[in-house]
């Protein structure tokens, strides 16, 4: 009729370890590509961000999380105080800093 019978094929003798390596080769290549395209650049960005946060000092102008822009007035181990307007100071975590601005960016403070 319209449907033919399907017969199982006999198993062929495998090449042993060579066929296992060839079967895993695409997986290994995908991991290598993933490492160079995603993992390595992310690690580099994290290292640069950590160095920038550790190099902050009093008087630096920064952008914190949420777009809060201010000048560093006081630094502590985990926190810092930002002056966001004349006489207005807020305390934020050091890790919340996104960008360090060039000196003189904030003229109104």
PDB file of N, CA and C in Angstrom:
ATOM      1  N   UNK A   1       0.808  -1.178   0.000  1.00  0.00           N
ATOM      2  CA  UNK A   1       0.000   0.000   0.000  1.00  0.00           C
ATOM      3  C   UNK A   1       0.866   1.262   0.000  1.00  0.00           C
ATOM      4  N   UNK A   2       0.422   2.302   0.758  1.00  0.00           N
ATOM      5  CA  UNK A   2       1.150   3.566   0.770  1.00  0.00           C
ATOM      6  C   UNK A   2       2.314   3.569   1.756  1.00  0.00           C
ATOM      7  N   UNK A   3       2.215   2.783   2.799  1.00  0.00           N
ATOM      8  CA  UNK A   3       3.263   2.762   3.810  1.00  0.00           C
ATOM      9  C   UNK A   3       4.085   1.495   3.620  1.00  0.00           C
ATOM     10  N   UNK A   4       5.401   1.707   3.515  1.00  0.00           N
ATOM     11  CA  UNK A   4       6.283   0.563   3.336  1.00  0.00           C
ATOM     12  C   UNK A   4       6.808   0.100   4.682  1.00  0.00           C
ATOM     13  N   UNK A   5       7.241  -1.116   4.748  1.00  0.00           N
ATOM     14  CA  UNK A   5       7.804  -1.647   5.974  1.00  0.00           C
ATOM     15  C   UNK A   5       9.192  -1.064   6.206  1.00  0.00           C
ATOM     16  N   UNK A   6       9.506  -0.759   7.473  1.00  0.00           N
ATOM     17  CA  UNK A   6      10.819  -0.245   7.835  1.00  0.00           C
ATOM     18  C   UNK A   6      11.583  -1.358   8.526  1.00  0.00           C
ATOM     19  N   UNK A   7      12.760  -1.647   8.041  1.00  0.00           N
ATOM     20  CA  UNK A   7      13.563  -2.711   8.617  1.00  0.00           C
ATOM     21  C   UNK A   7      14.783  -2.097   9.299  1.00  0.00           C
ATOM     22  N   UNK A   8      15.140  -2.625  10.456  1.00  0.00           N
ATOM     23  CA  UNK A   8      16.304  -2.138  11.188  1.00  0.00           C
ATOM     24  C   UNK A   8      17.567  -2.562  10.469  1.00  0.00           C
ATOM     25  N   UNK A   9      18.510  -1.665  10.450  1.00  0.00           N
ATOM     26  CA  UNK A   9      19.784  -1.981   9.829  1.00  0.00           C
ATOM     27  C   UNK A   9      20.708  -2.574  10.871  1.00  0.00           C
ATOM     28  N   UNK A  10      21.598  -3.392  10.451  1.00  0.00           N
ATOM     29  CA  UNK A  10      22.567  -3.988  11.363  1.00  0.00           C
ATOM     30  C   UNK A  10      23.575  -2.947  11.821  1.00  0.00           C
ATOM     31  N   UNK A  11      24.107  -3.106  13.017  1.00  0.00           N
ATOM     32  CA  UNK A  11      25.082  -2.157  13.535  1.00  0.00           C
ATOM     33  C   UNK A  11      26.432  -2.438  12.905  1.00  0.00           C
ATOM     34  N   UNK A  12      27.061  -1.399  12.460  1.00  0.00           N
ATOM     35  CA  UNK A  12      28.389  -1.528  11.863  1.00  0.00           C
ATOM     36  C   UNK A  12      29.429  -1.429  12.961  1.00  0.00           C
ATOM     37  N   UNK A  13      30.548  -2.020  12.756  1.00  0.00           N
ATOM     38  CA  UNK A  13      31.638  -1.955  13.734  1.00  0.00           C
ATOM     39  C   UNK A  13      32.167  -0.530  13.771  1.00  0.00           C
ATOM     40  N   UNK A  14      32.239   0.053  14.986  1.00  0.00           N
ATOM     41  CA  UNK A  14      32.694   1.436  15.122  1.00  0.00           C
ATOM     42  C   UNK A  14      34.215   1.481  15.137  1.00  0.00           C
ATOM     43  N   UNK A  15      34.735   2.655  14.853  1.00  0.00           N
ATOM     44  CA  UNK A  15      36.177   2.841  14.805  1.00  0.00           C
ATOM     45  C   UNK A  15      36.799   3.004  16.180  1.00  0.00           C
ATOM     46  N   UNK A  16      36.050   2.907  17.225  1.00  0.00           N
ATOM     47  CA  UNK A  16      36.580   3.001  18.583  1.00  0.00           C
ATOM     48  C   UNK A  16      36.687   4.450  19.030  1.00  0.00           C
ATOM     49  N   UNK A  17      37.845   4.796  19.545  1.00  0.00           N
ATOM     50  CA  UNK A  17      38.051   6.118  20.146  1.00  0.00           C
ATOM     51  C   UNK A  17      37.997   7.229  19.116  1.00  0.00           C
ATOM     52  N   UNK A  18      38.386   6.945  17.879  1.00  0.00           N
ATOM     53  CA  UNK A  18      38.352   7.980  16.843  1.00  0.00           C
ATOM     54  C   UNK A  18      36.930   8.454  16.570  1.00  0.00           C
ATOM     55  N   UNK A  19      35.999   7.543  16.521  1.00  0.00           N
ATOM     56  CA  UNK A  19      34.609   7.942  16.268  1.00  0.00           C
ATOM     57  C   UNK A  19      34.029   8.700  17.461  1.00  0.00           C
ATOM     58  N   UNK A  20      34.465   8.367  18.665  1.00  0.00           N
ATOM     59  CA  UNK A  20      33.992   9.083  19.840  1.00  0.00           C
ATOM     60  C   UNK A  20      34.514  10.516  19.827  1.00  0.00           C
ATOM     61  N   UNK A  21      35.772  10.702  19.453  1.00  0.00           N
ATOM     62  CA  UNK A  21      36.348  12.046  19.384  1.00  0.00           C
ATOM     63  C   UNK A  21      35.664  12.854  18.282  1.00  0.00           C
ATOM     64  N   UNK A  22      35.421  12.223  17.146  1.00  0.00           N
ATOM     65  CA  UNK A  22      34.751  12.925  16.045  1.00  0.00           C
ATOM     66  C   UNK A  22      33.321  13.296  16.436  1.00  0.00           C
ATOM     67  N   UNK A  23      32.690  12.497  17.276  1.00  0.00           N
ATOM     68  CA  UNK A  23      31.346  12.807  17.740  1.00  0.00           C
ATOM     69  C   UNK A  23      31.336  13.970  18.723  1.00  0.00           C
ATOM     70  N   UNK A  24      32.401  14.118  19.489  1.00  0.00           N
ATOM     71  CA  UNK A  24      32.490  15.195  20.471  1.00  0.00           C
ATOM     72  C   UNK A  24      33.108  16.461  19.894  1.00  0.00           C
ATOM     73  N   UNK A  25      33.692  16.388  18.719  1.00  0.00           N
ATOM     74  CA  UNK A  25      34.370  17.530  18.116  1.00  0.00           C
ATOM     75  C   UNK A  25      33.461  18.749  17.949  1.00  0.00           C
ATOM     76  N   UNK A  26      32.229  18.616  17.461  1.00  0.00           N
ATOM     77  CA  UNK A  26      31.370  19.805  17.364  1.00  0.00           C
ATOM     78  C   UNK A  26      31.097  20.454  18.724  1.00  0.00           C
ATOM     79  N   UNK A  27      30.930  19.649  19.754  1.00  0.00           N
ATOM     80  CA  UNK A  27      30.701  20.177  21.091  1.00  0.00           C
ATOM     81  C   UNK A  27      31.922  20.945  21.584  1.00  0.00           C
ATOM     82  N   UNK A  28      33.096  20.410  21.358  1.00  0.00           N
ATOM     83  CA  UNK A  28      34.338  21.079  21.773  1.00  0.00           C
ATOM     84  C   UNK A  28      34.508  22.385  21.004  1.00  0.00           C
ATOM     85  N   UNK A  29      34.253  22.369  19.705  1.00  0.00           N
ATOM     86  CA  UNK A  29      34.381  23.579  18.897  1.00  0.00           C
ATOM     87  C   UNK A  29      33.382  24.650  19.334  1.00  0.00           C
ATOM     88  N   UNK A  30      32.173  24.255  19.685  1.00  0.00           N
ATOM     89  CA  UNK A  30      31.185  25.225  20.158  1.00  0.00           C
ATOM     90  C   UNK A  30      31.640  25.866  21.465  1.00  0.00           C
ATOM     91  N   UNK A  31      32.237  25.092  22.363  1.00  0.00           N
ATOM     92  CA  UNK A  31      32.723  25.653  23.620  1.00  0.00           C
ATOM     93  C   UNK A  31      33.860  26.637  23.368  1.00  0.00           C
ATOM     94  N   UNK A  32      34.765  26.311  22.452  1.00  0.00           N
ATOM     95  CA  UNK A  32      35.882  27.208  22.139  1.00  0.00           C
ATOM     96  C   UNK A  32      35.353  28.524  21.565  1.00  0.00           C
ATOM     97  N   UNK A  33      34.409  28.451  20.650  1.00  0.00           N
ATOM     98  CA  UNK A  33      33.828  29.659  20.070  1.00  0.00           C
ATOM     99  C   UNK A  33      33.107  30.465  21.146  1.00  0.00           C
ATOM    100  N   UNK A  34      32.345  29.805  22.000  1.00  0.00           N
ATOM    101  CA  UNK A  34      31.645  30.464  23.091  1.00  0.00           C
ATOM    102  C   UNK A  34      32.630  31.174  24.012  1.00  0.00           C
ATOM    103  N   UNK A  35      33.745  30.543  24.311  1.00  0.00           N
ATOM    104  CA  UNK A  35      34.745  31.140  25.196  1.00  0.00           C
ATOM    105  C   UNK A  35      35.291  32.431  24.592  1.00  0.00           C
ATOM    106  N   UNK A  36      35.690  32.391  23.323  1.00  0.00           N
ATOM    107  CA  UNK A  36      36.312  33.564  22.714  1.00  0.00           C
ATOM    108  C   UNK A  36      35.317  34.670  22.372  1.00  0.00           C
ATOM    109  N   UNK A  37      34.067  34.341  22.129  1.00  0.00           N
ATOM    110  CA  UNK A  37      33.101  35.364  21.768  1.00  0.00           C
ATOM    111  C   UNK A  37      32.327  35.931  22.950  1.00  0.00           C
ATOM    112  N   UNK A  38      32.173  35.156  24.028  1.00  0.00           N
ATOM    113  CA  UNK A  38      31.341  35.628  25.129  1.00  0.00           C
ATOM    114  C   UNK A  38      32.057  35.677  26.481  1.00  0.00           C
ATOM    115  N   UNK A  39      32.678  34.597  26.873  1.00  0.00           N
ATOM    116  CA  UNK A  39      33.224  34.502  28.222  1.00  0.00           C
ATOM    117  C   UNK A  39      34.449  35.401  28.396  1.00  0.00           C
ATOM    118  N   UNK A  40      35.388  35.343  27.468  1.00  0.00           N
ATOM    119  CA  UNK A  40      36.622  36.119  27.588  1.00  0.00           C
ATOM    120  C   UNK A  40      36.380  37.634  27.579  1.00  0.00           C
ATOM    121  N   UNK A  41      35.570  38.172  26.653  1.00  0.00           N
ATOM    122  CA  UNK A  41      35.308  39.615  26.704  1.00  0.00           C
ATOM    123  C   UNK A  41      34.590  40.055  27.988  1.00  0.00           C
ATOM    124  N   UNK A  42      33.693  39.222  28.499  1.00  0.00           N
ATOM    125  CA  UNK A  42      32.997  39.564  29.743  1.00  0.00           C
ATOM    126  C   UNK A  42      33.965  39.603  30.914  1.00  0.00           C
ATOM    127  N   UNK A  43      34.889  38.660  30.975  1.00  0.00           N
ATOM    128  CA  UNK A  43      35.892  38.657  32.052  1.00  0.00           C
ATOM    129  C   UNK A  43      36.770  39.904  31.954  1.00  0.00           C
ATOM    130  N   UNK A  44      37.111  40.313  30.738  1.00  0.00           N
ATOM    131  CA  UNK A  44      37.931  41.500  30.539  1.00  0.00           C
ATOM    132  C   UNK A  44      37.184  42.750  31.019  1.00  0.00           C
ATOM    133  N   UNK A  45      35.880  42.860  30.686  1.00  0.00           N
ATOM    134  CA  UNK A  45      35.080  43.997  31.141  1.00  0.00           C
ATOM    135  C   UNK A  45      34.982  44.031  32.658  1.00  0.00           C
ATOM    136  N   UNK A  46      34.801  42.869  33.291  1.00  0.00           N
ATOM    137  CA  UNK A  46      34.713  42.822  34.747  1.00  0.00           C
ATOM    138  C   UNK A  46      36.018  43.279  35.383  1.00  0.00           C
ATOM    139  N   UNK A  47      37.132  42.866  34.812  1.00  0.00           N
ATOM    140  CA  UNK A  47      38.444  43.254  35.342  1.00  0.00           C
ATOM    141  C   UNK A  47      38.640  44.770  35.214  1.00  0.00           C
ATOM    142  N   UNK A  48      38.257  45.357  34.073  1.00  0.00           N
ATOM    143  CA  UNK A  48      38.377  46.793  33.879  1.00  0.00           C
ATOM    144  C   UNK A  48      37.468  47.563  34.838  1.00  0.00           C
ATOM    145  N   UNK A  49      36.253  47.060  35.049  1.00  0.00           N
ATOM    146  CA  UNK A  49      35.318  47.711  35.960  1.00  0.00           C
ATOM    147  C   UNK A  49      35.833  47.671  37.397  1.00  0.00           C
ATOM    148  N   UNK A  50      36.384  46.543  37.801  1.00  0.00           N
ATOM    149  CA  UNK A  50      36.932  46.415  39.153  1.00  0.00           C
ATOM    150  C   UNK A  50      38.101  47.371  39.345  1.00  0.00           C
ATOM    151  N   UNK A  51      38.981  47.486  38.349  1.00  0.00           N
ATOM    152  CA  UNK A  51      40.115  48.402  38.440  1.00  0.00           C
ATOM    153  C   UNK A  51      39.641  49.851  38.516  1.00  0.00           C
ATOM    154  N   UNK A  52      38.595  50.200  37.756  1.00  0.00           N
ATOM    155  CA  UNK A  52      38.065  51.555  37.783  1.00  0.00           C
ATOM    156  C   UNK A  52      37.463  51.878  39.146  1.00  0.00           C
ATOM    157  N   UNK A  53      36.720  50.924  39.722  1.00  0.00           N
ATOM    158  CA  UNK A  53      36.104  51.159  41.027  1.00  0.00           C
ATOM    159  C   UNK A  53      37.164  51.293  42.121  1.00  0.00           C
ATOM    160  N   UNK A  54      38.218  50.496  42.039  1.00  0.00           N
ATOM    161  CA  UNK A  54      39.276  50.578  43.050  1.00  0.00           C
ATOM    162  C   UNK A  54      40.099  51.856  42.921  1.00  0.00           C
ATOM    163  N   UNK A  55      40.153  52.442  41.725  1.00  0.00           N
ATOM    164  CA  UNK A  55      40.972  53.637  41.525  1.00  0.00           C
ATOM    165  C   UNK A  55      40.213  54.930  41.813  1.00  0.00           C
ATOM    166  N   UNK A  56      38.950  54.853  42.205  1.00  0.00           N
ATOM    167  CA  UNK A  56      38.191  56.060  42.509  1.00  0.00           C
ATOM    168  C   UNK A  56      38.779  56.776  43.710  1.00  0.00           C
ATOM    169  N   UNK A  57      38.742  58.094  43.654  1.00  0.00           N
ATOM    170  CA  UNK A  57      39.239  58.879  44.779  1.00  0.00           C
ATOM    171  C   UNK A  57      38.363  60.106  44.981  1.00  0.00           C
ATOM    172  N   UNK A  58      38.570  60.792  46.072  1.00  0.00           N
ATOM    173  CA  UNK A  58      37.770  61.957  46.417  1.00  0.00           C
ATOM    174  C   UNK A  58      37.932  63.019  45.322  1.00  0.00           C
ATOM    175  N   UNK A  59      36.805  63.580  44.895  1.00  0.00           N
ATOM    176  CA  UNK A  59      36.822  64.609  43.867  1.00  0.00           C
ATOM    177  C   UNK A  59      36.513  64.098  42.474  1.00  0.00           C
ATOM    178  N   UNK A  60      36.526  62.779  42.275  1.00  0.00           N
ATOM    179  CA  UNK A  60      36.189  62.220  40.966  1.00  0.00           C
ATOM    180  C   UNK A  60      34.697  62.402  40.695  1.00  0.00           C
ATOM    181  N   UNK A  61      34.370  62.569  39.437  1.00  0.00           N
ATOM    182  CA  UNK A  61      32.976  62.711  39.019  1.00  0.00           C
ATOM    183  C   UNK A  61      32.540  61.399  38.377  1.00  0.00           C
ATOM    184  N   UNK A  62      31.395  60.882  38.809  1.00  0.00           N
ATOM    185  CA  UNK A  62      30.961  59.548  38.379  1.00  0.00           C
ATOM    186  C   UNK A  62      29.473  59.538  38.038  1.00  0.00           C
ATOM    187  N   UNK A  63      29.088  58.503  37.297  1.00  0.00           N
ATOM    188  CA  UNK A  63      27.682  58.195  37.058  1.00  0.00           C
ATOM    189  C   UNK A  63      27.400  56.888  37.785  1.00  0.00           C
ATOM    190  N   UNK A  64      26.453  56.924  38.709  1.00  0.00           N
ATOM    191  CA  UNK A  64      26.094  55.732  39.480  1.00  0.00           C
ATOM    192  C   UNK A  64      24.874  55.076  38.839  1.00  0.00           C
ATOM    193  N   UNK A  65      24.482  53.936  39.376  1.00  0.00           N
ATOM    194  CA  UNK A  65      23.320  53.201  38.870  1.00  0.00           C
ATOM    195  C   UNK A  65      22.082  54.086  38.919  1.00  0.00           C
ATOM    196  N   UNK A  66      21.259  53.968  37.902  1.00  0.00           N
ATOM    197  CA  UNK A  66      20.050  54.774  37.834  1.00  0.00           C
ATOM    198  C   UNK A  66      20.287  56.140  37.230  1.00  0.00           C
ATOM    199  N   UNK A  67      21.516  56.429  36.802  1.00  0.00           N
ATOM    200  CA  UNK A  67      21.809  57.704  36.168  1.00  0.00           C
ATOM    201  C   UNK A  67      22.144  58.820  37.133  1.00  0.00           C
ATOM    202  N   UNK A  68      22.394  58.494  38.371  1.00  0.00           N
ATOM    203  CA  UNK A  68      22.743  59.488  39.383  1.00  0.00           C
ATOM    204  C   UNK A  68      24.155  60.000  39.099  1.00  0.00           C
ATOM    205  N   UNK A  69      24.280  61.307  38.870  1.00  0.00           N
ATOM    206  CA  UNK A  69      25.570  61.911  38.526  1.00  0.00           C
ATOM    207  C   UNK A  69      26.009  62.793  39.681  1.00  0.00           C
ATOM    208  N   UNK A  70      27.279  62.638  40.079  1.00  0.00           N
ATOM    209  CA  UNK A  70      27.763  63.462  41.183  1.00  0.00           C
ATOM    210  C   UNK A  70      29.259  63.374  41.350  1.00  0.00           C
ATOM    211  N   UNK A  71      29.737  64.155  42.313  1.00  0.00           N
ATOM    212  CA  UNK A  71      31.162  64.201  42.636  1.00  0.00           C
ATOM    213  C   UNK A  71      31.389  63.482  43.964  1.00  0.00           C
ATOM    214  N   UNK A  72      32.434  62.683  44.039  1.00  0.00           N
ATOM    215  CA  UNK A  72      32.718  61.916  45.253  1.00  0.00           C
ATOM    216  C   UNK A  72      33.223  62.868  46.337  1.00  0.00           C
ATOM    217  N   UNK A  73      32.564  62.824  47.508  1.00  0.00           N
ATOM    218  CA  UNK A  73      32.934  63.665  48.629  1.00  0.00           C
ATOM    219  C   UNK A  73      33.681  62.852  49.674  1.00  0.00           C
ATOM    220  N   UNK A  74      33.221  61.609  49.888  1.00  0.00           N
ATOM    221  CA  UNK A  74      33.823  60.765  50.920  1.00  0.00           C
ATOM    222  C   UNK A  74      33.821  59.323  50.438  1.00  0.00           C
ATOM    223  N   UNK A  75      34.920  58.619  50.688  1.00  0.00           N
ATOM    224  CA  UNK A  75      35.044  57.208  50.306  1.00  0.00           C
ATOM    225  C   UNK A  75      35.206  56.342  51.540  1.00  0.00           C
ATOM    226  N   UNK A  76      34.537  55.206  51.508  1.00  0.00           N
ATOM    227  CA  UNK A  76      34.720  54.181  52.530  1.00  0.00           C
ATOM    228  C   UNK A  76      35.010  52.877  51.807  1.00  0.00           C
ATOM    229  N   UNK A  77      35.107  51.777  52.553  1.00  0.00           N
ATOM    230  CA  UNK A  77      35.415  50.497  51.919  1.00  0.00           C
ATOM    231  C   UNK A  77      34.331  50.063  50.933  1.00  0.00           C
ATOM    232  N   UNK A  78      33.090  50.056  51.371  1.00  0.00           N
ATOM    233  CA  UNK A  78      32.008  49.557  50.527  1.00  0.00           C
ATOM    234  C   UNK A  78      31.085  50.660  50.019  1.00  0.00           C
ATOM    235  N   UNK A  79      31.143  51.847  50.632  1.00  0.00           N
ATOM    236  CA  UNK A  79      30.233  52.924  50.282  1.00  0.00           C
ATOM    237  C   UNK A  79      31.008  54.194  49.962  1.00  0.00           C
ATOM    238  N   UNK A  80      30.330  55.121  49.280  1.00  0.00           N
ATOM    239  CA  UNK A  80      30.894  56.440  49.037  1.00  0.00           C
ATOM    240  C   UNK A  80      29.763  57.457  49.071  1.00  0.00           C
ATOM    241  N   UNK A  81      30.126  58.693  49.367  1.00  0.00           N
ATOM    242  CA  UNK A  81      29.155  59.770  49.426  1.00  0.00           C
ATOM    243  C   UNK A  81      29.335  60.630  48.184  1.00  0.00           C
ATOM    244  N   UNK A  82      28.224  60.819  47.454  1.00  0.00           N
ATOM    245  CA  UNK A  82      28.228  61.644  46.248  1.00  0.00           C
ATOM    246  C   UNK A  82      27.521  62.955  46.528  1.00  0.00           C
ATOM    247  N   UNK A  83      28.097  64.043  46.047  1.00  0.00           N
ATOM    248  CA  UNK A  83      27.422  65.330  46.087  1.00  0.00           C
ATOM    249  C   UNK A  83      26.752  65.499  44.735  1.00  0.00           C
ATOM    250  N   UNK A  84      25.409  65.457  44.719  1.00  0.00           N
ATOM    251  CA  UNK A  84      24.679  65.521  43.453  1.00  0.00           C
ATOM    252  C   UNK A  84      24.196  66.936  43.139  1.00  0.00           C
ATOM    253  N   UNK A  85      24.181  67.798  44.132  1.00  0.00           N
ATOM    254  CA  UNK A  85      23.881  69.221  43.970  1.00  0.00           C
ATOM    255  C   UNK A  85      24.545  69.922  45.148  1.00  0.00           C
ATOM    256  N   UNK A  86      24.629  71.232  45.085  1.00  0.00           N
ATOM    257  CA  UNK A  86      25.268  71.974  46.166  1.00  0.00           C
ATOM    258  C   UNK A  86      24.527  71.715  47.474  1.00  0.00           C
ATOM    259  N   UNK A  87      25.225  71.093  48.410  1.00  0.00           N
ATOM    260  CA  UNK A  87      24.653  70.796  49.714  1.00  0.00           C
ATOM    261  C   UNK A  87      23.812  69.522  49.765  1.00  0.00           C
ATOM    262  N   UNK A  88      23.680  68.803  48.672  1.00  0.00           N
ATOM    263  CA  UNK A  88      22.889  67.575  48.656  1.00  0.00           C
ATOM    264  C   UNK A  88      23.834  66.394  48.455  1.00  0.00           C
ATOM    265  N   UNK A  89      23.902  65.538  49.472  1.00  0.00           N
ATOM    266  CA  UNK A  89      24.799  64.387  49.419  1.00  0.00           C
ATOM    267  C   UNK A  89      23.993  63.100  49.606  1.00  0.00           C
ATOM    268  N   UNK A  90      24.375  62.057  48.843  1.00  0.00           N
ATOM    269  CA  UNK A  90      23.742  60.748  48.975  1.00  0.00           C
ATOM    270  C   UNK A  90      24.839  59.701  49.149  1.00  0.00           C
ATOM    271  N   UNK A  91      24.493  58.630  49.831  1.00  0.00           N
ATOM    272  CA  UNK A  91      25.431  57.536  50.049  1.00  0.00           C
ATOM    273  C   UNK A  91      25.038  56.391  49.115  1.00  0.00           C
ATOM    274  N   UNK A  92      26.010  55.912  48.334  1.00  0.00           N
ATOM    275  CA  UNK A  92      25.777  54.806  47.402  1.00  0.00           C
ATOM    276  C   UNK A  92      26.886  53.774  47.574  1.00  0.00           C
ATOM    277  N   UNK A  93      26.617  52.579  47.103  1.00  0.00           N
ATOM    278  CA  UNK A  93      27.646  51.539  47.124  1.00  0.00           C
ATOM    279  C   UNK A  93      28.675  51.822  46.051  1.00  0.00           C
ATOM    280  N   UNK A  94      29.913  51.431  46.320  1.00  0.00           N
ATOM    281  CA  UNK A  94      30.971  51.646  45.334  1.00  0.00           C
ATOM    282  C   UNK A  94      30.697  50.860  44.061  1.00  0.00           C
ATOM    283  N   UNK A  95      30.120  49.687  44.199  1.00  0.00           N
ATOM    284  CA  UNK A  95      29.839  48.847  43.045  1.00  0.00           C
ATOM    285  C   UNK A  95      28.752  49.392  42.137  1.00  0.00           C
ATOM    286  N   UNK A  96      28.019  50.399  42.594  1.00  0.00           N
ATOM    287  CA  UNK A  96      26.957  50.955  41.767  1.00  0.00           C
ATOM    288  C   UNK A  96      27.472  51.955  40.742  1.00  0.00           C
ATOM    289  N   UNK A  97      28.762  52.270  40.779  1.00  0.00           N
ATOM    290  CA  UNK A  97      29.330  53.217  39.817  1.00  0.00           C
ATOM    291  C   UNK A  97      29.425  52.551  38.448  1.00  0.00           C
ATOM    292  N   UNK A  98      28.846  53.211  37.447  1.00  0.00           N
ATOM    293  CA  UNK A  98      28.891  52.699  36.082  1.00  0.00           C
ATOM    294  C   UNK A  98      30.037  53.300  35.295  1.00  0.00           C
ATOM    295  N   UNK A  99      30.261  54.603  35.449  1.00  0.00           N
ATOM    296  CA  UNK A  99      31.238  55.310  34.634  1.00  0.00           C
ATOM    297  C   UNK A  99      31.925  56.380  35.463  1.00  0.00           C
ATOM    298  N   UNK A 100      33.217  56.537  35.242  1.00  0.00           N
ATOM    299  CA  UNK A 100      33.958  57.658  35.812  1.00  0.00           C
ATOM    300  C   UNK A 100      34.055  58.722  34.722  1.00  0.00           C
ATOM    301  N   UNK A 101      33.613  59.934  35.051  1.00  0.00           N
ATOM    302  CA  UNK A 101      33.615  61.025  34.086  1.00  0.00           C
ATOM    303  C   UNK A 101      34.940  61.768  34.116  1.00  0.00           C
ATOM    304  N   UNK A 102      35.306  62.440  33.018  1.00  0.00           N
ATOM    305  CA  UNK A 102      36.513  63.268  33.034  1.00  0.00           C
ATOM    306  C   UNK A 102      36.349  64.444  33.994  1.00  0.00           C
ATOM    307  N   UNK A 103      37.442  64.906  34.552  1.00  0.00           N
ATOM    308  CA  UNK A 103      37.406  66.042  35.494  1.00  0.00           C
ATOM    309  C   UNK A 103      36.824  67.261  34.799  1.00  0.00           C
ATOM    310  N   UNK A 104      35.987  68.009  35.523  1.00  0.00           N
ATOM    311  CA  UNK A 104      35.404  69.231  34.992  1.00  0.00           C
ATOM    312  C   UNK A 104      34.117  69.029  34.223  1.00  0.00           C
ATOM    313  N   UNK A 105      33.609  67.810  34.188  1.00  0.00           N
ATOM    314  CA  UNK A 105      32.344  67.549  33.479  1.00  0.00           C
ATOM    315  C   UNK A 105      31.176  68.216  34.185  1.00  0.00           C
ATOM    316  N   UNK A 106      31.188  68.141  35.503  1.00  0.00           N
ATOM    317  CA  UNK A 106      30.117  68.758  36.298  1.00  0.00           C
ATOM    318  C   UNK A 106      30.566  70.135  36.737  1.00  0.00           C
ATOM    319  N   UNK A 107      30.044  71.170  36.121  1.00  0.00           N
ATOM    320  CA  UNK A 107      30.449  72.539  36.460  1.00  0.00           C
ATOM    321  C   UNK A 107      29.529  73.174  37.498  1.00  0.00           C
ATOM    322  N   UNK A 108      28.309  72.638  37.628  1.00  0.00           N
ATOM    323  CA  UNK A 108      27.335  73.264  38.522  1.00  0.00           C
ATOM    324  C   UNK A 108      27.551  72.913  39.994  1.00  0.00           C
ATOM    325  N   UNK A 109      28.365  71.925  40.300  1.00  0.00           N
ATOM    326  CA  UNK A 109      28.559  71.537  41.706  1.00  0.00           C
ATOM    327  C   UNK A 109      29.673  72.338  42.335  1.00  0.00           C
TER     328      UNK A 109
END
